[in-house]
Amino acid sequence: METILLETPRLHLRRMTPDDVPALLRVFGDAEVMRFYPAPFDEARMQRWVAWNQQLDAEHGHGLWAVLLRATGECIGDCGLVPQQVDGVAEIEIGYHLRRDG
């Protein structure tokens, strides 16, 4: 059973797993969603992204979590807290990536 970390009337958030790769690839493989990235992700890049987020969560106690529609359990993206370097200072960014039809 998945551990829900946060819930809203419409959404559940939980830690990412490798099983999320196909659903997340619908987000990260979409050129419009990824227009501010160098390129949309392929499956190998998506697998690395999920592993990176799992590592962030293990090291910092937070990272990007899978966003699921509460009604169906379908993964429609990610959101959460990500460490970033801004002008040489460690900051926490609130980040998200969502499927356009979610």
PDB file of N, CA and C in Angstrom:
ATOM      1  N   MET A   1       0.850  -1.194   0.000  1.00  0.00           N
ATOM      2  CA  MET A   1       0.000   0.000   0.000  1.00  0.00           C
ATOM      3  C   MET A   1       0.885   1.243   0.000  1.00  0.00           C
ATOM      4  N   GLU A   2       0.530   2.200  -0.806  1.00  0.00           N
ATOM      5  CA  GLU A   2       1.272   3.455  -0.883  1.00  0.00           C
ATOM      6  C   GLU A   2       0.994   4.286   0.364  1.00  0.00           C
ATOM      7  N   THR A   3       2.008   4.984   0.818  1.00  0.00           N
ATOM      8  CA  THR A   3       1.828   5.896   1.936  1.00  0.00           C
ATOM      9  C   THR A   3       1.529   7.277   1.388  1.00  0.00           C
ATOM     10  N   ILE A   4       0.344   7.762   1.660  1.00  0.00           N
ATOM     11  CA  ILE A   4      -0.046   9.097   1.231  1.00  0.00           C
ATOM     12  C   ILE A   4       0.557  10.091   2.213  1.00  0.00           C
ATOM     13  N   LEU A   5       1.342  11.025   1.697  1.00  0.00           N
ATOM     14  CA  LEU A   5       2.015  12.006   2.546  1.00  0.00           C
ATOM     15  C   LEU A   5       1.191  13.266   2.733  1.00  0.00           C
ATOM     16  N   LEU A   6       0.369  13.568   1.741  1.00  0.00           N
ATOM     17  CA  LEU A   6      -0.460  14.768   1.797  1.00  0.00           C
ATOM     18  C   LEU A   6      -1.680  14.507   0.932  1.00  0.00           C
ATOM     19  N   GLU A   7      -2.823  15.015   1.366  1.00  0.00           N
ATOM     20  CA  GLU A   7      -4.018  14.857   0.543  1.00  0.00           C
ATOM     21  C   GLU A   7      -4.834  16.130   0.543  1.00  0.00           C
ATOM     22  N   THR A   8      -5.489  16.348  -0.579  1.00  0.00           N
ATOM     23  CA  THR A   8      -6.423  17.460  -0.741  1.00  0.00           C
ATOM     24  C   THR A   8      -7.755  16.839  -1.172  1.00  0.00           C
ATOM     25  N   PRO A   9      -8.792  17.620  -1.321  1.00  0.00           N
ATOM     26  CA  PRO A   9     -10.048  17.027  -1.806  1.00  0.00           C
ATOM     27  C   PRO A   9      -9.905  16.344  -3.174  1.00  0.00           C
ATOM     28  N   ARG A  10      -8.940  16.782  -3.990  1.00  0.00           N
ATOM     29  CA  ARG A  10      -8.797  16.246  -5.346  1.00  0.00           C
ATOM     30  C   ARG A  10      -7.553  15.374  -5.548  1.00  0.00           C
ATOM     31  N   LEU A  11      -6.512  15.566  -4.714  1.00  0.00           N
ATOM     32  CA  LEU A  11      -5.217  14.950  -4.982  1.00  0.00           C
ATOM     33  C   LEU A  11      -4.658  14.182  -3.793  1.00  0.00           C
ATOM     34  N   HIS A  12      -3.786  13.222  -4.110  1.00  0.00           N
ATOM     35  CA  HIS A  12      -2.927  12.561  -3.133  1.00  0.00           C
ATOM     36  C   HIS A  12      -1.483  12.799  -3.570  1.00  0.00           C
ATOM     37  N   LEU A  13      -0.596  13.003  -2.609  1.00  0.00           N
ATOM     38  CA  LEU A  13       0.838  13.096  -2.878  1.00  0.00           C
ATOM     39  C   LEU A  13       1.530  11.982  -2.116  1.00  0.00           C
ATOM     40  N   ARG A  14       2.473  11.328  -2.801  1.00  0.00           N
ATOM     41  CA  ARG A  14       3.254  10.261  -2.176  1.00  0.00           C
ATOM     42  C   ARG A  14       4.646  10.252  -2.797  1.00  0.00           C
ATOM     43  N   ARG A  15       5.545   9.521  -2.159  1.00  0.00           N
ATOM     44  CA  ARG A  15       6.901   9.394  -2.707  1.00  0.00           C
ATOM     45  C   ARG A  15       6.842   8.675  -4.059  1.00  0.00           C
ATOM     46  N   MET A  16       7.742   9.077  -4.958  1.00  0.00           N
ATOM     47  CA  MET A  16       7.833   8.436  -6.270  1.00  0.00           C
ATOM     48  C   MET A  16       8.398   7.029  -6.131  1.00  0.00           C
ATOM     49  N   THR A  17       8.012   6.184  -7.079  1.00  0.00           N
ATOM     50  CA  THR A  17       8.584   4.849  -7.203  1.00  0.00           C
ATOM     51  C   THR A  17       8.932   4.622  -8.676  1.00  0.00           C
ATOM     52  N   PRO A  18       9.770   3.633  -8.967  1.00  0.00           N
ATOM     53  CA  PRO A  18      10.055   3.330 -10.375  1.00  0.00           C
ATOM     54  C   PRO A  18       8.799   2.998 -11.183  1.00  0.00           C
ATOM     55  N   ASP A  19       7.754   2.525 -10.530  1.00  0.00           N
ATOM     56  CA  ASP A  19       6.505   2.234 -11.234  1.00  0.00           C
ATOM     57  C   ASP A  19       5.844   3.490 -11.804  1.00  0.00           C
ATOM     58  N   ASP A  20       6.259   4.666 -11.342  1.00  0.00           N
ATOM     59  CA  ASP A  20       5.688   5.924 -11.825  1.00  0.00           C
ATOM     60  C   ASP A  20       6.275   6.382 -13.159  1.00  0.00           C
ATOM     61  N   VAL A  21       7.347   5.748 -13.609  1.00  0.00           N
ATOM     62  CA  VAL A  21       8.036   6.206 -14.816  1.00  0.00           C
ATOM     63  C   VAL A  21       7.091   6.350 -16.014  1.00  0.00           C
ATOM     64  N   PRO A  22       6.275   5.350 -16.373  1.00  0.00           N
ATOM     65  CA  PRO A  22       5.413   5.526 -17.551  1.00  0.00           C
ATOM     66  C   PRO A  22       4.450   6.718 -17.426  1.00  0.00           C
ATOM     67  N   ALA A  23       3.836   6.873 -16.256  1.00  0.00           N
ATOM     68  CA  ALA A  23       2.896   7.985 -16.075  1.00  0.00           C
ATOM     69  C   ALA A  23       3.618   9.325 -16.115  1.00  0.00           C
ATOM     70  N   LEU A  24       4.765   9.410 -15.460  1.00  0.00           N
ATOM     71  CA  LEU A  24       5.516  10.669 -15.443  1.00  0.00           C
ATOM     72  C   LEU A  24       6.070  11.002 -16.826  1.00  0.00           C
ATOM     73  N   LEU A  25       6.353   9.986 -17.613  1.00  0.00           N
ATOM     74  CA  LEU A  25       6.846  10.231 -18.971  1.00  0.00           C
ATOM     75  C   LEU A  25       5.783  10.923 -19.830  1.00  0.00           C
ATOM     76  N   ARG A  26       4.512  10.740 -19.501  1.00  0.00           N
ATOM     77  CA  ARG A  26       3.446  11.478 -20.213  1.00  0.00           C
ATOM     78  C   ARG A  26       3.554  12.977 -19.939  1.00  0.00           C
ATOM     79  N   VAL A  27       4.114  13.347 -18.801  1.00  0.00           N
ATOM     80  CA  VAL A  27       4.333  14.753 -18.458  1.00  0.00           C
ATOM     81  C   VAL A  27       5.652  15.225 -19.051  1.00  0.00           C
ATOM     82  N   PHE A  28       6.724  14.560 -18.672  1.00  0.00           N
ATOM     83  CA  PHE A  28       8.079  14.990 -19.029  1.00  0.00           C
ATOM     84  C   PHE A  28       8.427  14.721 -20.488  1.00  0.00           C
ATOM     85  N   GLY A  29       7.645  13.899 -21.161  1.00  0.00           N
ATOM     86  CA  GLY A  29       7.849  13.664 -22.587  1.00  0.00           C
ATOM     87  C   GLY A  29       7.068  14.619 -23.464  1.00  0.00           C
ATOM     88  N   ASP A  30       6.263  15.474 -22.854  1.00  0.00           N
ATOM     89  CA  ASP A  30       5.425  16.439 -23.574  1.00  0.00           C
ATOM     90  C   ASP A  30       6.246  17.704 -23.856  1.00  0.00           C
ATOM     91  N   ALA A  31       6.482  17.985 -25.126  1.00  0.00           N
ATOM     92  CA  ALA A  31       7.321  19.125 -25.507  1.00  0.00           C
ATOM     93  C   ALA A  31       6.774  20.451 -24.980  1.00  0.00           C
ATOM     94  N   GLU A  32       5.464  20.608 -24.935  1.00  0.00           N
ATOM     95  CA  GLU A  32       4.881  21.859 -24.441  1.00  0.00           C
ATOM     96  C   GLU A  32       5.129  22.021 -22.938  1.00  0.00           C
ATOM     97  N   VAL A  33       4.933  20.958 -22.163  1.00  0.00           N
ATOM     98  CA  VAL A  33       5.197  21.012 -20.722  1.00  0.00           C
ATOM     99  C   VAL A  33       6.673  21.320 -20.463  1.00  0.00           C
ATOM    100  N   MET A  34       7.534  20.775 -21.292  1.00  0.00           N
ATOM    101  CA  MET A  34       8.982  20.877 -21.083  1.00  0.00           C
ATOM    102  C   MET A  34       9.632  22.000 -21.897  1.00  0.00           C
ATOM    103  N   ARG A  35       8.867  22.968 -22.334  1.00  0.00           N
ATOM    104  CA  ARG A  35       9.403  24.003 -23.219  1.00  0.00           C
ATOM    105  C   ARG A  35      10.531  24.823 -22.592  1.00  0.00           C
ATOM    106  N   PHE A  36      10.624  24.892 -21.270  1.00  0.00           N
ATOM    107  CA  PHE A  36      11.691  25.652 -20.632  1.00  0.00           C
ATOM    108  C   PHE A  36      12.856  24.757 -20.194  1.00  0.00           C
ATOM    109  N   TYR A  37      12.821  23.510 -20.564  1.00  0.00           N
ATOM    110  CA  TYR A  37      13.914  22.565 -20.346  1.00  0.00           C
ATOM    111  C   TYR A  37      14.656  22.405 -21.660  1.00  0.00           C
ATOM    112  N   PRO A  38      15.884  21.888 -21.622  1.00  0.00           N
ATOM    113  CA  PRO A  38      16.610  21.699 -22.888  1.00  0.00           C
ATOM    114  C   PRO A  38      15.886  20.779 -23.876  1.00  0.00           C
ATOM    115  N   ALA A  39      15.182  19.750 -23.354  1.00  0.00           N
ATOM    116  CA  ALA A  39      14.465  18.817 -24.225  1.00  0.00           C
ATOM    117  C   ALA A  39      13.521  17.980 -23.373  1.00  0.00           C
ATOM    118  N   PRO A  40      12.469  17.450 -23.993  1.00  0.00           N
ATOM    119  CA  PRO A  40      11.619  16.505 -23.262  1.00  0.00           C
ATOM    120  C   PRO A  40      12.438  15.277 -22.856  1.00  0.00           C
ATOM    121  N   PHE A  41      11.961  14.556 -21.862  1.00  0.00           N
ATOM    122  CA  PHE A  41      12.666  13.374 -21.358  1.00  0.00           C
ATOM    123  C   PHE A  41      12.309  12.152 -22.196  1.00  0.00           C
ATOM    124  N   ASP A  42      13.276  11.242 -22.308  1.00  0.00           N
ATOM    125  CA  ASP A  42      13.006   9.907 -22.816  1.00  0.00           C
ATOM    126  C   ASP A  42      12.903   8.977 -21.600  1.00  0.00           C
ATOM    127  N   GLU A  43      12.660   7.710 -21.812  1.00  0.00           N
ATOM    128  CA  GLU A  43      12.438   6.792 -20.693  1.00  0.00           C
ATOM    129  C   GLU A  43      13.667   6.689 -19.779  1.00  0.00           C
ATOM    130  N   ALA A  44      14.860   6.640 -20.344  1.00  0.00           N
ATOM    131  CA  ALA A  44      16.072   6.532 -19.522  1.00  0.00           C
ATOM    132  C   ALA A  44      16.239   7.766 -18.633  1.00  0.00           C
ATOM    133  N   ARG A  45      15.997   8.939 -19.194  1.00  0.00           N
ATOM    134  CA  ARG A  45      16.095  10.184 -18.409  1.00  0.00           C
ATOM    135  C   ARG A  45      15.028  10.221 -17.317  1.00  0.00           C
ATOM    136  N   MET A  46      13.845   9.711 -17.632  1.00  0.00           N
ATOM    137  CA  MET A  46      12.763   9.681 -16.644  1.00  0.00           C
ATOM    138  C   MET A  46      13.129   8.755 -15.491  1.00  0.00           C
ATOM    139  N   GLN A  47      13.721   7.607 -15.798  1.00  0.00           N
ATOM    140  CA  GLN A  47      14.162   6.680 -14.749  1.00  0.00           C
ATOM    141  C   GLN A  47      15.197   7.341 -13.841  1.00  0.00           C
ATOM    142  N   ARG A  48      16.129   8.089 -14.430  1.00  0.00           N
ATOM    143  CA  ARG A  48      17.141   8.797 -13.623  1.00  0.00           C
ATOM    144  C   ARG A  48      16.494   9.875 -12.763  1.00  0.00           C
ATOM    145  N   TRP A  49      15.475  10.564 -13.296  1.00  0.00           N
ATOM    146  CA  TRP A  49      14.771  11.616 -12.560  1.00  0.00           C
ATOM    147  C   TRP A  49      14.097  11.037 -11.308  1.00  0.00           C
ATOM    148  N   VAL A  50      13.421   9.903 -11.488  1.00  0.00           N
ATOM    149  CA  VAL A  50      12.760   9.259 -10.353  1.00  0.00           C
ATOM    150  C   VAL A  50      13.800   8.831  -9.321  1.00  0.00           C
ATOM    151  N   ALA A  51      14.892   8.231  -9.761  1.00  0.00           N
ATOM    152  CA  ALA A  51      15.952   7.819  -8.831  1.00  0.00           C
ATOM    153  C   ALA A  51      16.543   9.029  -8.109  1.00  0.00           C
ATOM    154  N   TRP A  52      16.746  10.133  -8.823  1.00  0.00           N
ATOM    155  CA  TRP A  52      17.262  11.368  -8.212  1.00  0.00           C
ATOM    156  C   TRP A  52      16.313  11.874  -7.133  1.00  0.00           C
ATOM    157  N   ASN A  53      15.013  11.850  -7.423  1.00  0.00           N
ATOM    158  CA  ASN A  53      14.035  12.305  -6.442  1.00  0.00           C
ATOM    159  C   ASN A  53      13.976  11.384  -5.230  1.00  0.00           C
ATOM    160  N   GLN A  54      14.131  10.094  -5.444  1.00  0.00           N
ATOM    161  CA  GLN A  54      14.168   9.167  -4.318  1.00  0.00           C
ATOM    162  C   GLN A  54      15.393   9.457  -3.439  1.00  0.00           C
ATOM    163  N   GLN A  55      16.523   9.775  -4.075  1.00  0.00           N
ATOM    164  CA  GLN A  55      17.739  10.107  -3.336  1.00  0.00           C
ATOM    165  C   GLN A  55      17.565  11.418  -2.557  1.00  0.00           C
ATOM    166  N   LEU A  56      16.971  12.435  -3.200  1.00  0.00           N
ATOM    167  CA  LEU A  56      16.701  13.704  -2.504  1.00  0.00           C
ATOM    168  C   LEU A  56      15.874  13.478  -1.251  1.00  0.00           C
ATOM    169  N   ASP A  57      14.817  12.704  -1.402  1.00  0.00           N
ATOM    170  CA  ASP A  57      13.923  12.444  -0.285  1.00  0.00           C
ATOM    171  C   ASP A  57      14.660  11.710   0.836  1.00  0.00           C
ATOM    172  N   ALA A  58      15.483  10.737   0.481  1.00  0.00           N
ATOM    173  CA  ALA A  58      16.238   9.986   1.484  1.00  0.00           C
ATOM    174  C   ALA A  58      17.249  10.878   2.212  1.00  0.00           C
ATOM    175  N   GLU A  59      17.897  11.775   1.479  1.00  0.00           N
ATOM    176  CA  GLU A  59      18.934  12.628   2.071  1.00  0.00           C
ATOM    177  C   GLU A  59      18.380  13.828   2.825  1.00  0.00           C
ATOM    178  N   HIS A  60      17.296  14.427   2.316  1.00  0.00           N
ATOM    179  CA  HIS A  60      16.802  15.695   2.870  1.00  0.00           C
ATOM    180  C   HIS A  60      15.440  15.588   3.554  1.00  0.00           C
ATOM    181  N   GLY A  61      14.773  14.451   3.381  1.00  0.00           N
ATOM    182  CA  GLY A  61      13.443  14.308   3.950  1.00  0.00           C
ATOM    183  C   GLY A  61      12.366  14.971   3.120  1.00  0.00           C
ATOM    184  N   HIS A  62      12.731  15.431   1.936  1.00  0.00           N
ATOM    185  CA  HIS A  62      11.774  16.015   0.995  1.00  0.00           C
ATOM    186  C   HIS A  62      12.359  15.935  -0.402  1.00  0.00           C
ATOM    187  N   GLY A  63      11.522  16.157  -1.353  1.00  0.00           N
ATOM    188  CA  GLY A  63      11.882  16.130  -2.766  1.00  0.00           C
ATOM    189  C   GLY A  63      10.607  16.337  -3.540  1.00  0.00           C
ATOM    190  N   LEU A  64      10.604  15.965  -4.794  1.00  0.00           N
ATOM    191  CA  LEU A  64       9.379  16.016  -5.582  1.00  0.00           C
ATOM    192  C   LEU A  64       8.625  14.715  -5.357  1.00  0.00           C
ATOM    193  N   TRP A  65       7.337  14.818  -5.077  1.00  0.00           N
ATOM    194  CA  TRP A  65       6.501  13.657  -4.823  1.00  0.00           C
ATOM    195  C   TRP A  65       5.537  13.457  -5.979  1.00  0.00           C
ATOM    196  N   ALA A  66       5.102  12.240  -6.165  1.00  0.00           N
ATOM    197  CA  ALA A  66       4.117  11.928  -7.198  1.00  0.00           C
ATOM    198  C   ALA A  66       2.776  12.548  -6.819  1.00  0.00           C
ATOM    199  N   VAL A  67       2.108  13.140  -7.808  1.00  0.00           N
ATOM    200  CA  VAL A  67       0.775  13.723  -7.635  1.00  0.00           C
ATOM    201  C   VAL A  67      -0.220  12.791  -8.322  1.00  0.00           C
ATOM    202  N   LEU A  68      -1.203  12.328  -7.550  1.00  0.00           N
ATOM    203  CA  LEU A  68      -2.195  11.401  -8.068  1.00  0.00           C
ATOM    204  C   LEU A  68      -3.591  11.985  -7.937  1.00  0.00           C
ATOM    205  N   LEU A  69      -4.420  11.707  -8.924  1.00  0.00           N
ATOM    206  CA  LEU A  69      -5.823  12.061  -8.808  1.00  0.00           C
ATOM    207  C   LEU A  69      -6.440  11.148  -7.756  1.00  0.00           C
ATOM    208  N   ARG A  70      -7.056  11.733  -6.777  1.00  0.00           N
ATOM    209  CA  ARG A  70      -7.624  10.970  -5.673  1.00  0.00           C
ATOM    210  C   ARG A  70      -8.715  10.008  -6.162  1.00  0.00           C
ATOM    211  N   ALA A  71      -9.529  10.436  -7.111  1.00  0.00           N
ATOM    212  CA  ALA A  71     -10.653   9.625  -7.579  1.00  0.00           C
ATOM    213  C   ALA A  71     -10.214   8.351  -8.293  1.00  0.00           C
ATOM    214  N   THR A  72      -9.076   8.413  -8.992  1.00  0.00           N
ATOM    215  CA  THR A  72      -8.654   7.272  -9.820  1.00  0.00           C
ATOM    216  C   THR A  72      -7.318   6.663  -9.414  1.00  0.00           C
ATOM    217  N   GLY A  73      -6.505   7.407  -8.653  1.00  0.00           N
ATOM    218  CA  GLY A  73      -5.157   6.950  -8.322  1.00  0.00           C
ATOM    219  C   GLY A  73      -4.156   7.175  -9.436  1.00  0.00           C
ATOM    220  N   GLU A  74      -4.587   7.812 -10.521  1.00  0.00           N
ATOM    221  CA  GLU A  74      -3.712   8.045 -11.672  1.00  0.00           C
ATOM    222  C   GLU A  74      -2.680   9.122 -11.355  1.00  0.00           C
ATOM    223  N   CYS A  75      -1.412   8.834 -11.674  1.00  0.00           N
ATOM    224  CA  CYS A  75      -0.328   9.803 -11.481  1.00  0.00           C
ATOM    225  C   CYS A  75      -0.371  10.825 -12.620  1.00  0.00           C
ATOM    226  N   ILE A  76      -0.459  12.120 -12.246  1.00  0.00           N
ATOM    227  CA  ILE A  76      -0.544  13.182 -13.258  1.00  0.00           C
ATOM    228  C   ILE A  76       0.638  14.149 -13.197  1.00  0.00           C
ATOM    229  N   GLY A  77       1.637  13.850 -12.354  1.00  0.00           N
ATOM    230  CA  GLY A  77       2.801  14.724 -12.288  1.00  0.00           C
ATOM    231  C   GLY A  77       3.520  14.607 -10.971  1.00  0.00           C
ATOM    232  N   ASP A  78       4.253  15.673 -10.647  1.00  0.00           N
ATOM    233  CA  ASP A  78       4.992  15.715  -9.388  1.00  0.00           C
ATOM    234  C   ASP A  78       4.962  17.126  -8.823  1.00  0.00           C
ATOM    235  N   CYS A  79       5.251  17.243  -7.549  1.00  0.00           N
ATOM    236  CA  CYS A  79       5.430  18.546  -6.919  1.00  0.00           C
ATOM    237  C   CYS A  79       6.143  18.344  -5.589  1.00  0.00           C
ATOM    238  N   GLY A  80       6.783  19.405  -5.120  1.00  0.00           N
ATOM    239  CA  GLY A  80       7.461  19.310  -3.838  1.00  0.00           C
ATOM    240  C   GLY A  80       8.561  20.332  -3.677  1.00  0.00           C
ATOM    241  N   LEU A  81       9.448  20.019  -2.759  1.00  0.00           N
ATOM    242  CA  LEU A  81      10.545  20.909  -2.380  1.00  0.00           C
ATOM    243  C   LEU A  81      11.861  20.349  -2.891  1.00  0.00           C
ATOM    244  N   VAL A  82      12.635  21.223  -3.553  1.00  0.00           N
ATOM    245  CA  VAL A  82      13.894  20.800  -4.177  1.00  0.00           C
ATOM    246  C   VAL A  82      14.998  21.764  -3.792  1.00  0.00           C
ATOM    247  N   PRO A  83      16.138  21.247  -3.280  1.00  0.00           N
ATOM    248  CA  PRO A  83      17.259  22.148  -3.001  1.00  0.00           C
ATOM    249  C   PRO A  83      17.859  22.686  -4.301  1.00  0.00           C
ATOM    250  N   GLN A  84      18.146  23.976  -4.320  1.00  0.00           N
ATOM    251  CA  GLN A  84      18.743  24.639  -5.482  1.00  0.00           C
ATOM    252  C   GLN A  84      19.843  25.581  -5.003  1.00  0.00           C
ATOM    253  N   GLN A  85      20.795  25.858  -5.875  1.00  0.00           N
ATOM    254  CA  GLN A  85      21.805  26.883  -5.620  1.00  0.00           C
ATOM    255  C   GLN A  85      21.398  28.141  -6.378  1.00  0.00           C
ATOM    256  N   VAL A  86      21.229  29.243  -5.651  1.00  0.00           N
ATOM    257  CA  VAL A  86      20.857  30.521  -6.255  1.00  0.00           C
ATOM    258  C   VAL A  86      21.906  31.538  -5.847  1.00  0.00           C
ATOM    259  N   ASP A  87      22.692  32.000  -6.820  1.00  0.00           N
ATOM    260  CA  ASP A  87      23.776  32.944  -6.539  1.00  0.00           C
ATOM    261  C   ASP A  87      24.685  32.441  -5.423  1.00  0.00           C
ATOM    262  N   GLY A  88      24.981  31.130  -5.474  1.00  0.00           N
ATOM    263  CA  GLY A  88      25.890  30.532  -4.497  1.00  0.00           C
ATOM    264  C   GLY A  88      25.284  30.259  -3.128  1.00  0.00           C
ATOM    265  N   VAL A  89      23.984  30.459  -2.990  1.00  0.00           N
ATOM    266  CA  VAL A  89      23.303  30.233  -1.711  1.00  0.00           C
ATOM    267  C   VAL A  89      22.349  29.053  -1.864  1.00  0.00           C
ATOM    268  N   ALA A  90      22.375  28.144  -0.901  1.00  0.00           N
ATOM    269  CA  ALA A  90      21.449  27.015  -0.913  1.00  0.00           C
ATOM    270  C   ALA A  90      20.050  27.518  -0.564  1.00  0.00           C
ATOM    271  N   GLU A  91      19.110  27.257  -1.448  1.00  0.00           N
ATOM    272  CA  GLU A  91      17.716  27.658  -1.260  1.00  0.00           C
ATOM    273  C   GLU A  91      16.824  26.448  -1.494  1.00  0.00           C
ATOM    274  N   ILE A  92      15.580  26.524  -1.057  1.00  0.00           N
ATOM    275  CA  ILE A  92      14.592  25.486  -1.337  1.00  0.00           C
ATOM    276  C   ILE A  92      13.584  26.049  -2.340  1.00  0.00           C
ATOM    277  N   GLU A  93      13.430  25.332  -3.438  1.00  0.00           N
ATOM    278  CA  GLU A  93      12.488  25.717  -4.487  1.00  0.00           C
ATOM    279  C   GLU A  93      11.224  24.871  -4.359  1.00  0.00           C
ATOM    280  N   ILE A  94      10.083  25.488  -4.573  1.00  0.00           N
ATOM    281  CA  ILE A  94       8.836  24.742  -4.714  1.00  0.00           C
ATOM    282  C   ILE A  94       8.678  24.465  -6.199  1.00  0.00           C
ATOM    283  N   GLY A  95       8.671  23.200  -6.565  1.00  0.00           N
ATOM    284  CA  GLY A  95       8.611  22.837  -7.971  1.00  0.00           C
ATOM    285  C   GLY A  95       7.432  21.936  -8.276  1.00  0.00           C
ATOM    286  N   TYR A  96       7.018  21.940  -9.530  1.00  0.00           N
ATOM    287  CA  TYR A  96       5.952  21.042  -9.958  1.00  0.00           C
ATOM    288  C   TYR A  96       6.006  20.860 -11.458  1.00  0.00           C
ATOM    289  N   HIS A  97       5.504  19.734 -11.897  1.00  0.00           N
ATOM    290  CA  HIS A  97       5.332  19.397 -13.309  1.00  0.00           C
ATOM    291  C   HIS A  97       4.022  18.625 -13.379  1.00  0.00           C
ATOM    292  N   LEU A  98       3.062  19.104 -14.168  1.00  0.00           N
ATOM    293  CA  LEU A  98       1.757  18.475 -14.247  1.00  0.00           C
ATOM    294  C   LEU A  98       1.354  18.216 -15.687  1.00  0.00           C
ATOM    295  N   ARG A  99       0.700  17.100 -15.880  1.00  0.00           N
ATOM    296  CA  ARG A  99       0.170  16.768 -17.198  1.00  0.00           C
ATOM    297  C   ARG A  99      -0.864  17.821 -17.591  1.00  0.00           C
ATOM    298  N   ARG A 100      -0.842  18.236 -18.835  1.00  0.00           N
ATOM    299  CA  ARG A 100      -1.728  19.324 -19.262  1.00  0.00           C
ATOM    300  C   ARG A 100      -3.203  18.953 -19.163  1.00  0.00           C
ATOM    301  N   ASP A 101      -3.545  17.689 -19.300  1.00  0.00           N
ATOM    302  CA  ASP A 101      -4.958  17.293 -19.229  1.00  0.00           C
ATOM    303  C   ASP A 101      -5.356  16.779 -17.841  1.00  0.00           C
ATOM    304  N   GLY A 102      -4.467  16.910 -16.838  1.00  0.00           N
ATOM    305  CA  GLY A 102      -4.747  16.388 -15.496  1.00  0.00           C
ATOM    306  C   GLY A 102      -5.645  17.291 -14.760  1.00  0.00           C
TER     307      GLY A 102
END
